[in-house]
C-alpha atoms as a PDB file:
ATOM      1  CA  MET A   1      -0.113  -0.239   0.075  1.00  0.00           C
ATOM      2  CA  LEU A   2       1.462   3.135  -1.211  1.00  0.00           C
ATOM      3  CA  LEU A   3      -0.266   5.545   1.366  1.00  0.00           C
ATOM      4  CA  GLY A   4       1.469   3.680   4.305  1.00  0.00           C
ATOM      5  CA  VAL A   5       0.881   4.303   7.949  1.00  0.00           C
ATOM      6  CA  HIS A   6       4.342   4.906   9.419  1.00  0.00           C
ATOM      7  CA  ALA A   7       5.701   3.827  12.642  1.00  0.00           C
ATOM      8  CA  ALA A   8       4.693   5.640  15.807  1.00  0.00           C
ATOM      9  CA  PRO A   9       5.477   5.148  19.574  1.00  0.00           C
ATOM     10  CA  ALA A  10       3.597   2.068  20.968  1.00  0.00           C
ATOM     11  CA  HIS A  11       0.571   2.213  23.412  1.00  0.00           C
ATOM     12  CA  ALA A  12       0.648   0.281  26.818  1.00  0.00           C
ATOM     13  CA  ASP A  13      -1.258  -2.618  25.043  1.00  0.00           C
ATOM     14  CA  GLY A  14       1.649  -2.725  22.253  1.00  0.00           C
ATOM     15  CA  GLN A  15      -0.526  -1.413  19.494  1.00  0.00           C
ATOM     16  CA  PRO A  16       0.947   1.612  17.792  1.00  0.00           C
ATOM     17  CA  PRO A  17      -1.427   4.865  17.576  1.00  0.00           C
ATOM     18  CA  ARG A  18      -3.242   5.542  14.500  1.00  0.00           C
ATOM     19  CA  PRO A  19      -1.639   8.955  12.919  1.00  0.00           C
ATOM     20  CA  PRO A  20      -3.885  12.001  13.229  1.00  0.00           C
ATOM     21  CA  TRP A  21      -4.793  12.059   9.527  1.00  0.00           C
ATOM     22  CA  HIS A  22      -6.352   8.698  10.104  1.00  0.00           C
ATOM     23  CA  GLN A  23      -8.835   9.868  12.819  1.00  0.00           C
ATOM     24  CA  GLY A  24     -12.416  10.129  11.519  1.00  0.00           C
ATOM     25  CA  VAL A  25     -11.800   8.682   8.204  1.00  0.00           C
ATOM     26  CA  PRO A  26     -13.760   5.632   7.398  1.00  0.00           C
ATOM     27  CA  GLU A  27     -11.930   2.490   5.887  1.00  0.00           C
ATOM     28  CA  GLU A  28     -13.872   3.018   2.545  1.00  0.00           C
ATOM     29  CA  ARG A  29     -12.760   6.601   2.270  1.00  0.00           C
ATOM     30  CA  GLN A  30      -9.239   5.368   2.733  1.00  0.00           C
ATOM     31  CA  GLN A  31      -9.644   2.756   0.155  1.00  0.00           C
ATOM     32  CA  LYS A  32     -11.361   5.119  -2.460  1.00  0.00           C
ATOM     33  CA  ALA A  33      -8.387   7.792  -1.923  1.00  0.00           C
ATOM     34  CA  GLU A  34      -6.125   4.673  -2.435  1.00  0.00           C
ATOM     35  CA  GLN A  35      -7.585   3.878  -5.651  1.00  0.00           C
ATOM     36  CA  LEU A  36      -7.417   7.607  -6.827  1.00  0.00           C
ATOM     37  CA  PHE A  37      -3.977   7.807  -5.829  1.00  0.00           C
ATOM     38  CA  GLN A  38      -2.838   4.711  -7.750  1.00  0.00           C
ATOM     39  CA  GLU A  39      -4.782   6.111 -10.855  1.00  0.00           C
ATOM     40  CA  GLY A  40      -3.133   9.455 -10.441  1.00  0.00           C
ATOM     41  CA  ARG A  41       0.414   7.998 -10.176  1.00  0.00           C
ATOM     42  CA  GLN A  42      -0.136   6.165 -13.371  1.00  0.00           C
ATOM     43  CA  LEU A  43      -0.873   9.270 -15.065  1.00  0.00           C
ATOM     44  CA  HIS A  44       1.891  10.918 -13.329  1.00  0.00           C
ATOM     45  CA  ARG A  45       4.430   8.535 -14.605  1.00  0.00           C
ATOM     46  CA  SER A  46       3.226   9.048 -18.245  1.00  0.00           C
ATOM     47  CA  ALA A  47       3.343  12.967 -17.966  1.00  0.00           C
ATOM     48  CA  ILE A  48      -0.315  13.315 -18.265  1.00  0.00           C
ATOM     49  CA  LEU A  49      -0.109  16.156 -15.538  1.00  0.00           C
ATOM     50  CA  ALA A  50      -3.421  17.737 -15.618  1.00  0.00           C
ATOM     51  CA  GLU A  51      -5.466  14.490 -15.317  1.00  0.00           C
ATOM     52  CA  ALA A  52      -2.915  13.252 -12.806  1.00  0.00           C
ATOM     53  CA  ARG A  53      -3.592  16.518 -10.655  1.00  0.00           C
ATOM     54  CA  ALA A  54      -7.168  16.074 -10.869  1.00  0.00           C
ATOM     55  CA  LYS A  55      -6.934  12.478  -9.403  1.00  0.00           C
ATOM     56  CA  TYR A  56      -4.819  13.370  -6.697  1.00  0.00           C
ATOM     57  CA  GLU A  57      -7.131  16.471  -5.775  1.00  0.00           C
ATOM     58  CA  GLU A  58     -10.000  14.066  -5.902  1.00  0.00           C
ATOM     59  CA  ALA A  59      -8.067  11.674  -3.644  1.00  0.00           C
ATOM     60  CA  LEU A  60      -7.507  14.327  -1.158  1.00  0.00           C
ATOM     61  CA  ARG A  61     -11.102  15.187  -0.977  1.00  0.00           C
ATOM     62  CA  TYR A  62     -11.513  11.643   0.428  1.00  0.00           C
ATOM     63  CA  TRP A  63      -8.675  11.653   2.585  1.00  0.00           C
ATOM     64  CA  ASP A  64      -6.192  14.198   3.466  1.00  0.00           C
ATOM     65  CA  HIS A  65      -2.982  12.089   3.723  1.00  0.00           C
ATOM     66  CA  PRO A  66       0.486  13.850   3.683  1.00  0.00           C
ATOM     67  CA  GLU A  67       1.720  11.570   1.106  1.00  0.00           C
ATOM     68  CA  LEU A  68      -0.742  12.911  -1.306  1.00  0.00           C
ATOM     69  CA  ARG A  69       0.170  16.136  -0.561  1.00  0.00           C
ATOM     70  CA  VAL A  70       3.612  15.457  -1.757  1.00  0.00           C
ATOM     71  CA  TYR A  71       2.695  13.904  -4.978  1.00  0.00           C
ATOM     72  CA  LEU A  72       0.200  16.539  -5.649  1.00  0.00           C
ATOM     73  CA  GLY A  73       3.327  19.250  -5.106  1.00  0.00           C
ATOM     74  CA  ARG A  74       5.280  17.401  -7.592  1.00  0.00           C
ATOM     75  CA  VAL A  75       2.648  17.547 -10.166  1.00  0.00           C
ATOM     76  CA  LEU A  76       2.034  21.290  -9.572  1.00  0.00           C
ATOM     77  CA  MET A  77       5.744  22.402  -9.623  1.00  0.00           C
ATOM     78  CA  ARG A  78       6.096  20.712 -13.088  1.00  0.00           C
ATOM     79  CA  SER A  79       2.896  22.414 -14.193  1.00  0.00           C
ATOM     80  CA  GLY A  80       4.167  25.693 -13.342  1.00  0.00           C
ATOM     81  CA  LEU A  81       2.138  26.371 -10.346  1.00  0.00           C
ATOM     82  CA  PRO A  82       4.771  27.088  -7.689  1.00  0.00           C
ATOM     83  CA  LEU A  83       2.546  28.871  -5.214  1.00  0.00           C
ATOM     84  CA  LEU A  84       0.161  26.070  -5.169  1.00  0.00           C
ATOM     85  CA  ALA A  85       2.884  23.430  -5.070  1.00  0.00           C
ATOM     86  CA  TYR A  86       4.515  25.290  -1.970  1.00  0.00           C
ATOM     87  CA  GLU A  87       1.120  25.416  -0.112  1.00  0.00           C
ATOM     88  CA  ASN A  88       0.510  21.447  -0.612  1.00  0.00           C
ATOM     89  CA  LEU A  89       4.334  20.772   0.561  1.00  0.00           C
ATOM     90  CA  GLN A  90       3.603  22.888   3.329  1.00  0.00           C
ATOM     91  CA  GLN A  91       0.371  21.014   4.244  1.00  0.00           C
ATOM     92  CA  ALA A  92       2.336  17.764   3.762  1.00  0.00           C
ATOM     93  CA  LEU A  93       4.857  18.633   6.527  1.00  0.00           C
ATOM     94  CA  ARG A  94       2.061  20.068   8.891  1.00  0.00           C
ATOM     95  CA  TRP A  95       1.954  17.002  10.994  1.00  0.00           C
ATOM     96  CA  GLY A  96       5.667  17.228  12.180  1.00  0.00           C
ATOM     97  CA  PRO A  97       8.497  14.880  11.612  1.00  0.00           C
ATOM     98  CA  GLY A  98       7.841  11.447  11.015  1.00  0.00           C
ATOM     99  CA  ALA A  99       4.549  11.835   9.170  1.00  0.00           C
ATOM    100  CA  LEU A 100       6.267  11.163   5.919  1.00  0.00           C
ATOM    101  CA  ASP A 101       8.866   8.465   4.819  1.00  0.00           C
ATOM    102  CA  PRO A 102      12.513  10.174   5.618  1.00  0.00           C
ATOM    103  CA  HIS A 103      13.226  10.788   1.916  1.00  0.00           C
ATOM    104  CA  LEU A 104       9.813  11.918   1.219  1.00  0.00           C
ATOM    105  CA  GLU A 105      10.282  14.439   3.956  1.00  0.00           C
ATOM    106  CA  ALA A 106      13.752  15.556   2.858  1.00  0.00           C
ATOM    107  CA  GLU A 107      12.071  15.947  -0.571  1.00  0.00           C
ATOM    108  CA  ALA A 108       9.259  18.085   0.465  1.00  0.00           C
ATOM    109  CA  ARG A 109      11.761  20.404   2.436  1.00  0.00           C
ATOM    110  CA  ALA A 110      14.267  20.596  -0.476  1.00  0.00           C
ATOM    111  CA  SER A 111      11.432  21.577  -2.958  1.00  0.00           C
ATOM    112  CA  MET A 112       9.805  24.136  -0.804  1.00  0.00           C
ATOM    113  CA  SER A 113      13.489  25.933  -0.275  1.00  0.00           C
ATOM    114  CA  GLU A 114      13.810  25.661  -4.243  1.00  0.00           C
ATOM    115  CA  LEU A 115      10.538  27.147  -4.903  1.00  0.00           C
ATOM    116  CA  VAL A 116      11.232  29.986  -2.310  1.00  0.00           C
ATOM    117  CA  GLN A 117      14.721  30.815  -3.739  1.00  0.00           C
ATOM    118  CA  ARG A 118      13.866  30.705  -7.599  1.00  0.00           C
ATOM    119  CA  GLU A 119       9.869  30.798  -8.305  1.00  0.00           C
ATOM    120  CA  LEU A 120       8.190  32.873  -5.416  1.00  0.00           C
ATOM    121  CA  ALA A 121       8.686  35.960  -3.495  1.00  0.00           C
ATOM    122  CA  MET A 122       7.397  37.171  -0.211  1.00  0.00           C
ATOM    123  CA  ILE A 123       5.645  40.117   1.002  1.00  0.00           C
ATOM    124  CA  GLU A 124       5.545  41.048   5.026  1.00  0.00           C
ATOM    125  CA  LEU A 125       3.663  43.783   6.183  1.00  0.00           C
ATOM    126  CA  ARG A 126       3.133  45.566   9.562  1.00  0.00           C
ATOM    127  CA  CYS A 127      -0.023  47.619  10.204  1.00  0.00           C
ATOM    128  CA  ASP A 128      -0.056  49.455  13.983  1.00  0.00           C
ATOM    129  CA  GLU A 129      -3.508  50.857  13.381  1.00  0.00           C
ATOM    130  CA  PRO A 130      -6.378  49.122  15.265  1.00  0.00           C
ATOM    131  CA  GLY A 131      -9.351  47.872  13.076  1.00  0.00           C
ATOM    132  CA  ALA A 132      -7.453  48.836   9.732  1.00  0.00           C
ATOM    133  CA  ALA A 133      -8.099  46.356   7.089  1.00  0.00           C
ATOM    134  CA  VAL A 134      -5.108  45.019   5.018  1.00  0.00           C
ATOM    135  CA  LEU A 135      -5.936  43.794   1.287  1.00  0.00           C
ATOM    136  CA  LEU A 136      -3.542  42.260  -1.063  1.00  0.00           C
ATOM    137  CA  ASP A 137      -4.410  42.319  -4.633  1.00  0.00           C
ATOM    138  CA  GLY A 138      -8.049  43.464  -3.665  1.00  0.00           C
ATOM    139  CA  LYS A 139      -8.437  40.289  -1.515  1.00  0.00           C
ATOM    140  CA  PRO A 140      -8.777  40.504   2.692  1.00  0.00           C
ATOM    141  CA  TRP A 141      -5.452  39.947   4.651  1.00  0.00           C
ATOM    142  CA  PHE A 142      -5.441  41.019   7.922  1.00  0.00           C
ATOM    143  CA  VAL A 143      -6.782  43.506  10.554  1.00  0.00           C
ATOM    144  CA  GLY A 144      -4.391  45.701  12.412  1.00  0.00           C
ATOM    145  CA  PRO A 145      -2.597  46.006  14.523  1.00  0.00           C
ATOM    146  CA  GLY A 146      -0.287  43.093  13.678  1.00  0.00           C
ATOM    147  CA  ALA A 147       2.096  41.752  10.984  1.00  0.00           C
ATOM    148  CA  GLU A 148       1.679  39.122   8.464  1.00  0.00           C
ATOM    149  CA  ARG A 149       3.699  37.547   5.677  1.00  0.00           C
ATOM    150  CA  ARG A 150       2.574  35.622   2.395  1.00  0.00           C
ATOM    151  CA  LEU A 151       4.510  34.072  -0.376  1.00  0.00           C
ATOM    152  CA  VAL A 152       3.082  35.581  -3.724  1.00  0.00           C
ATOM    153  CA  LEU A 153       4.376  35.137  -7.299  1.00  0.00           C
ATOM    154  CA  PRO A 154       7.002  37.633  -8.756  1.00  0.00           C
ATOM    155  CA  GLY A 155       5.700  40.636 -10.054  1.00  0.00           C
ATOM    156  CA  GLU A 156       3.543  43.790  -8.981  1.00  0.00           C
ATOM    157  CA  HIS A 157       1.041  43.487  -6.376  1.00  0.00           C
ATOM    158  CA  VAL A 158      -1.293  45.734  -4.611  1.00  0.00           C
ATOM    159  CA  VAL A 159      -1.403  46.625  -1.020  1.00  0.00           C
ATOM    160  CA  THR A 160      -4.511  48.297   0.420  1.00  0.00           C
ATOM    161  CA  ALA A 161      -5.049  49.420   3.860  1.00  0.00           C
ATOM    162  CA  ARG A 162      -8.272  51.344   4.772  1.00  0.00           C
ATOM    163  CA  LYS A 163     -10.411  52.389   7.903  1.00  0.00           C
ATOM    164  CA  GLU A 164     -13.424  54.530   8.239  1.00  0.00           C
ATOM    165  CA  GLY A 165     -12.145  58.083   8.914  1.00  0.00           C
ATOM    166  CA  TYR A 166      -8.856  57.474   7.538  1.00  0.00           C
ATOM    167  CA  TYR A 167      -7.482  58.181   3.883  1.00  0.00           C
ATOM    168  CA  THR A 168      -7.379  54.607   2.005  1.00  0.00           C
ATOM    169  CA  VAL A 169      -3.711  53.671   1.302  1.00  0.00           C
ATOM    170  CA  VAL A 170      -3.124  52.203  -2.066  1.00  0.00           C
ATOM    171  CA  ARG A 171       0.590  51.372  -3.142  1.00  0.00           C
ATOM    172  CA  PRO A 172       1.679  48.846  -5.694  1.00  0.00           C
ATOM    173  CA  VAL A 173       4.518  46.473  -4.488  1.00  0.00           C
ATOM    174  CA  ALA A 174       6.812  44.872  -7.076  1.00  0.00           C
ATOM    175  CA  VAL A 175       8.841  42.021  -5.853  1.00  0.00           C
ATOM    176  CA  LEU A 176      11.492  39.590  -7.600  1.00  0.00           C
ATOM    177  CA  ALA A 177      11.649  36.002  -7.397  1.00  0.00           C
ATOM    178  CA  GLY A 178      13.817  34.798  -4.415  1.00  0.00           C
ATOM    179  CA  LYS A 179      13.175  38.506  -2.611  1.00  0.00           C
ATOM    180  CA  ARG A 180      11.079  39.656   0.312  1.00  0.00           C
ATOM    181  CA  ALA A 181       9.424  43.086   0.477  1.00  0.00           C
ATOM    182  CA  SER A 182       8.912  43.934   4.017  1.00  0.00           C
ATOM    183  CA  GLY A 183       7.495  47.289   5.520  1.00  0.00           C
ATOM    184  CA  THR A 184       4.833  49.053   7.494  1.00  0.00           C
ATOM    185  CA  LEU A 185       1.740  50.414   6.568  1.00  0.00           C
ATOM    186  CA  ARG A 186       0.690  54.054   8.221  1.00  0.00           C
ATOM    187  CA  LEU A 187      -2.518  55.417   7.873  1.00  0.00           C
ATOM    188  CA  SER A 188      -3.504  59.318   8.465  1.00  0.00           C
ATOM    189  CA  ALA A 189      -6.618  60.525   9.410  1.00  0.00           C
ATOM    190  CA  ASP A 190      -8.940  62.212   6.850  1.00  0.00           C
ATOM    191  CA  ALA A 191      -9.348  65.319   8.541  1.00  0.00           C
ATOM    192  CA  MET A 192     -10.305  69.008   7.348  1.00  0.00           C
ATOM    193  CA  ILE A 193      -7.778  71.872   8.539  1.00  0.00           C
ATOM    194  CA  THR A 194      -8.359  75.209   8.764  1.00  0.00           C
ATOM    195  CA  GLU A 195      -5.570  77.691   7.990  1.00  0.00           C
ATOM    196  CA  ARG A 196      -5.501  81.553   8.093  1.00  0.00           C
ATOM    197  CA  ARG A 197      -2.799  83.639   6.360  1.00  0.00           C
ATOM    198  CA  TRP A 198      -1.863  85.200   9.833  1.00  0.00           C
ATOM    199  CA  GLN A 199      -2.375  83.610  13.110  1.00  0.00           C
ATOM    200  CA  ALA A 200      -3.427  86.617  14.573  1.00  0.00           C
ATOM    201  CA  ALA A 201      -7.229  86.668  13.385  1.00  0.00           C
ATOM    202  CA  TRP A 202      -7.885  90.092  15.364  1.00  0.00           C
ATOM    203  CA  ALA A 203      -5.307  92.088  13.272  1.00  0.00           C
ATOM    204  CA  PRO A 204      -7.451  92.561  10.136  1.00  0.00           C
ATOM    205  CA  TRP A 205     -10.272  93.341  12.436  1.00  0.00           C
ATOM    206  CA  ALA A 206      -7.956  95.948  14.443  1.00  0.00           C
ATOM    207  CA  VAL A 207      -7.608  97.891  11.094  1.00  0.00           C
ATOM    208  CA  VAL A 208     -11.247  97.879  10.483  1.00  0.00           C
ATOM    209  CA  GLY A 209     -11.971  99.248  13.773  1.00  0.00           C
ATOM    210  CA  ALA A 210      -9.171 102.003  13.628  1.00  0.00           C
ATOM    211  CA  GLY A 211     -10.868 102.981  10.199  1.00  0.00           C
ATOM    212  CA  GLY A 212     -14.289 103.148  11.874  1.00  0.00           C
ATOM    213  CA  ALA A 213     -12.890 105.249  15.015  1.00  0.00           C
ATOM    214  CA  LEU A 214     -11.245 107.643  12.280  1.00  0.00           C
ATOM    215  CA  GLY A 215     -14.457 108.009  10.679  1.00  0.00           C
ATOM    216  CA  LEU A 216     -16.277 108.922  13.831  1.00  0.00           C
ATOM    217  CA  LEU A 217     -13.390 111.075  15.047  1.00  0.00           C
ATOM    218  CA  GLY A 218     -13.941 113.023  11.495  1.00  0.00           C
ATOM    219  CA  ALA A 219     -17.741 113.215  12.305  1.00  0.00           C
ATOM    220  CA  VAL A 220     -17.210 114.899  15.551  1.00  0.00           C
ATOM    221  CA  LEU A 221     -14.769 117.402  14.303  1.00  0.00           C
ATOM    222  CA  ARG A 222     -16.882 118.098  11.293  1.00  0.00           C
ATOM    223  CA  TRP A 223     -19.522 118.867  13.812  1.00  0.00           C
ATOM    224  CA  GLN A 224     -17.484 120.703  15.927  1.00  0.00           C
ATOM    225  CA  ALA A 225     -16.083 122.903  13.006  1.00  0.00           C
ATOM    226  CA  ASN A 226     -20.096 123.725  11.994  1.00  0.00           C
ATOM    227  CA  GLU A 227     -20.723 124.772  15.604  1.00  0.00           C
ATOM    228  CA  HIS A 228     -17.695 127.226  15.629  1.00  0.00           C
ATOM    229  CA  TYR A 229     -18.540 128.508  12.351  1.00  0.00           C
ATOM    230  CA  ASP A 230     -22.274 129.288  13.259  1.00  0.00           C
ATOM    231  CA  ASP A 231     -20.977 130.860  16.511  1.00  0.00           C
ATOM    232  CA  ALA A 232     -18.518 132.998  14.633  1.00  0.00           C
ATOM    233  CA  GLU A 233     -21.472 133.925  12.062  1.00  0.00           C
ATOM    234  CA  ARG A 234     -23.874 135.062  15.012  1.00  0.00           C
ATOM    235  CA  VAL A 235     -21.151 137.280  16.654  1.00  0.00           C
ATOM    236  CA  LEU A 236     -19.968 138.929  13.470  1.00  0.00           C
ATOM    237  CA  GLN A 237     -23.613 139.315  11.453  1.00  0.00           C
ATOM    238  CA  GLY A 238     -26.043 138.788  13.932  1.00  0.00           C
ATOM    239  CA  PRO A 239     -28.091 141.440  16.103  1.00  0.00           C
ATOM    240  CA  PHE A 240     -25.510 141.322  18.956  1.00  0.00           C
ATOM    241  CA  ARG A 241     -23.329 143.178  16.002  1.00  0.00           C
ATOM    242  CA  ASP A 242     -26.177 145.538  15.009  1.00  0.00           C
ATOM    243  CA  ALA A 243     -26.769 146.900  19.032  1.00  0.00           C
ATOM    244  CA  CYS A 244     -23.208 147.619  19.938  1.00  0.00           C
ATOM    245  CA  GLY A 245     -22.212 149.444  16.763  1.00  0.00           C
ATOM    246  CA  LEU A 246     -18.885 150.923  16.814  1.00  0.00           C
ATOM    247  CA  GLU A 247     -18.300 150.120  20.370  1.00  0.00           C
ATOM    248  CA  CYS A 248     -18.141 146.434  19.479  1.00  0.00           C
ATOM    249  CA  ALA A 249     -14.672 145.000  20.156  1.00  0.00           C
ATOM    250  CA  PRO A 250     -12.916 143.933  16.941  1.00  0.00           C
ATOM    251  CA  SER A 251     -12.849 140.286  16.144  1.00  0.00           C
ATOM    252  CA  ASP A 252      -9.356 138.629  15.218  1.00  0.00           C
ATOM    253  CA  GLY A 253     -11.052 135.784  13.355  1.00  0.00           C
ATOM    254  CA  SER A 254      -9.889 132.725  15.531  1.00  0.00           C
ATOM    255  CA  ALA A 255     -13.348 131.354  15.602  1.00  0.00           C
ATOM    256  CA  TYR A 256     -13.333 131.071  11.750  1.00  0.00           C
ATOM    257  CA  ASP A 257      -9.607 129.845  11.852  1.00  0.00           C
ATOM    258  CA  ARG A 258     -10.431 127.104  14.300  1.00  0.00           C
ATOM    259  CA  SER A 259     -13.627 126.086  12.149  1.00  0.00           C
ATOM    260  CA  ARG A 260     -11.345 125.736   9.045  1.00  0.00           C
ATOM    261  CA  LEU A 261      -8.659 123.791  11.080  1.00  0.00           C
ATOM    262  CA  GLU A 262     -11.431 121.547  12.292  1.00  0.00           C
ATOM    263  CA  ASN A 263     -12.960 121.008   9.205  1.00  0.00           C
ATOM    264  CA  GLY A 264      -9.739 120.020   7.159  1.00  0.00           C
ATOM    265  CA  LEU A 265      -8.765 117.759  10.309  1.00  0.00           C
ATOM    266  CA  ALA A 266     -12.413 116.122   9.791  1.00  0.00           C
ATOM    267  CA  VAL A 267     -11.754 115.839   5.921  1.00  0.00           C
ATOM    268  CA  GLY A 268      -8.414 113.907   6.725  1.00  0.00           C
ATOM    269  CA  SER A 269     -10.105 111.551   9.340  1.00  0.00           C
ATOM    270  CA  PHE A 270     -12.646 110.717   6.805  1.00  0.00           C
ATOM    271  CA  VAL A 271     -10.018 110.012   4.058  1.00  0.00           C
ATOM    272  CA  ALA A 272      -7.900 107.995   6.551  1.00  0.00           C
ATOM    273  CA  GLY A 273     -10.508 106.081   7.955  1.00  0.00           C
ATOM    274  CA  GLY A 274     -12.059 105.330   4.608  1.00  0.00           C
ATOM    275  CA  ALA A 275      -8.706 103.816   3.520  1.00  0.00           C
ATOM    276  CA  ALA A 276      -8.231 102.063   6.753  1.00  0.00           C
ATOM    277  CA  LEU A 277     -12.050 100.305   6.391  1.00  0.00           C
ATOM    278  CA  ILE A 278     -11.013  99.426   2.974  1.00  0.00           C
ATOM    279  CA  THR A 279      -7.803  98.088   3.782  1.00  0.00           C
ATOM    280  CA  GLY A 280      -8.951  96.134   6.805  1.00  0.00           C
ATOM    281  CA  GLY A 281     -12.036  94.621   4.556  1.00  0.00           C
ATOM    282  CA  VAL A 282      -9.446  93.417   2.073  1.00  0.00           C
ATOM    283  CA  LEU A 283      -7.452  91.925   5.072  1.00  0.00           C
ATOM    284  CA  VAL A 284     -10.285  90.367   6.702  1.00  0.00           C
ATOM    285  CA  TYR A 285     -10.903  88.623   3.160  1.00  0.00           C
ATOM    286  CA  MET A 286      -7.483  87.360   3.005  1.00  0.00           C
ATOM    287  CA  ASN A 287      -7.270  86.162   6.344  1.00  0.00           C
ATOM    288  CA  TRP A 288     -10.573  84.311   6.132  1.00  0.00           C
ATOM    289  CA  PRO A 289     -10.416  80.805   7.467  1.00  0.00           C
ATOM    290  CA  ARG A 290     -10.247  78.366   4.447  1.00  0.00           C
ATOM    291  CA  PRO A 291     -10.608  74.471   5.122  1.00  0.00           C
ATOM    292  CA  TYR A 292      -8.646  71.988   3.343  1.00  0.00           C
ATOM    293  CA  ARG A 293      -7.712  68.536   3.363  1.00  0.00           C
ATOM    294  CA  THR A 294      -4.218  67.408   4.865  1.00  0.00           C
ATOM    295  CA  ASP A 295      -1.695  66.633   2.249  1.00  0.00           C
ATOM    296  CA  ASP A 296      -0.621  63.663   4.540  1.00  0.00           C
ATOM    297  CA  ARG A 297      -2.240  60.732   3.132  1.00  0.00           C
ATOM    298  CA  GLY A 298      -0.767  57.863   4.872  1.00  0.00           C
ATOM    299  CA  ASP A 299       2.295  55.916   3.434  1.00  0.00           C
ATOM    300  CA  VAL A 300       4.023  52.631   3.219  1.00  0.00           C
ATOM    301  CA  LYS A 301       7.785  51.927   3.115  1.00  0.00           C
ATOM    302  CA  ILE A 302       8.700  48.631   1.405  1.00  0.00           C
ATOM    303  CA  GLU A 303      12.250  47.211   1.869  1.00  0.00           C
ATOM    304  CA  LEU A 304      13.618  44.546  -0.804  1.00  0.00           C
ATOM    305  CA  ALA A 305      15.904  41.805   0.709  1.00  0.00           C
ATOM    306  CA  PRO A 306      16.502  38.265  -0.114  1.00  0.00           C
ATOM    307  CA  ALA A 307      13.595  35.887   0.806  1.00  0.00           C
ATOM    308  CA  VAL A 308      16.100  33.488   2.423  1.00  0.00           C
ATOM    309  CA  SER A 309      19.423  33.954   4.039  1.00  0.00           C
ATOM    310  CA  SER A 310      22.401  33.219   1.989  1.00  0.00           C
ATOM    311  CA  SER A 311      26.195  33.692   2.065  1.00  0.00           C
ATOM    312  CA  ALA A 312      25.950  35.465  -1.499  1.00  0.00           C
ATOM    313  CA  ALA A 313      23.131  37.669  -0.466  1.00  0.00           C
ATOM    314  CA  GLY A 314      23.538  41.240  -1.970  1.00  0.00           C
ATOM    315  CA  LEU A 315      22.651  44.471  -0.528  1.00  0.00           C
ATOM    316  CA  SER A 316      19.170  45.480   0.529  1.00  0.00           C
ATOM    317  CA  THR A 317      17.406  48.618  -1.476  1.00  0.00           C
ATOM    318  CA  ARG A 318      15.009  50.576   0.197  1.00  0.00           C
ATOM    319  CA  ILE A 319      11.960  51.939  -1.903  1.00  0.00           C
ATOM    320  CA  SER A 320       9.563  54.217  -0.638  1.00  0.00           C
ATOM    321  CA  PHE A 321       6.210  54.629  -2.811  1.00  0.00           C
END
């Protein structure tokens, strides 16, 4: 029987324990798997790989035996499907040492090492943002915080990280055969930021206030100028002048001079106040708060290195996207 049961430590009654892949599998299912396995081996020897693969996979549906995984891995490697081959060889070794014949176990480990060095690449990412969903090539990978690694086919892959309230990070990652791309994903909150041209928001309004104060001062001066002018007119041309006749004291014209001075100051205040109001209005407009989205959209930095340690390993290259 090619799908043999390998030796295991004996129980107290002298009977060897059943391997874990035997547990829960009825005898008829084991026999059906053995039959399909033998048919697959015949096709395998004849290099009819597609049909041999189908037989092995059907046999696995009846009985997930580690030796079947090794044979399926062989077919997948010859069919140019390195990733599937690696996964099946890994499944064959999951039961630990002794699950396979020594030569099959050594073959499986050697084949896995060869696949990693020559035909596969590795992506290893870390995301410390709690609740962030990380996707690889559009398929869910893991949820942060945490770090995961995955073997992939060489070429360009797309890493995506998203979380509600944060910018979605989408970055291409190109990896070569035998290389490991490792890095950290960083998300940035999708927030609106309000910015002013000047930090002192009161300054433009102070200019507006100064313009209003100058306008008010001009109005007061204009009122005083009119009052002084009217007083001078009453003194010089009113009934009081006619009553005193030649005995009236001569006027030095100071009331008129004061009126003209105040009127000039009022005009100057109006001009300066108007200019200040216009300038202040422009400054208020220029300093009006303007919301914008932050330019920090998150990032991922990828470092390329050999997928496995080797004495001939070259220098690592850091690439920022």
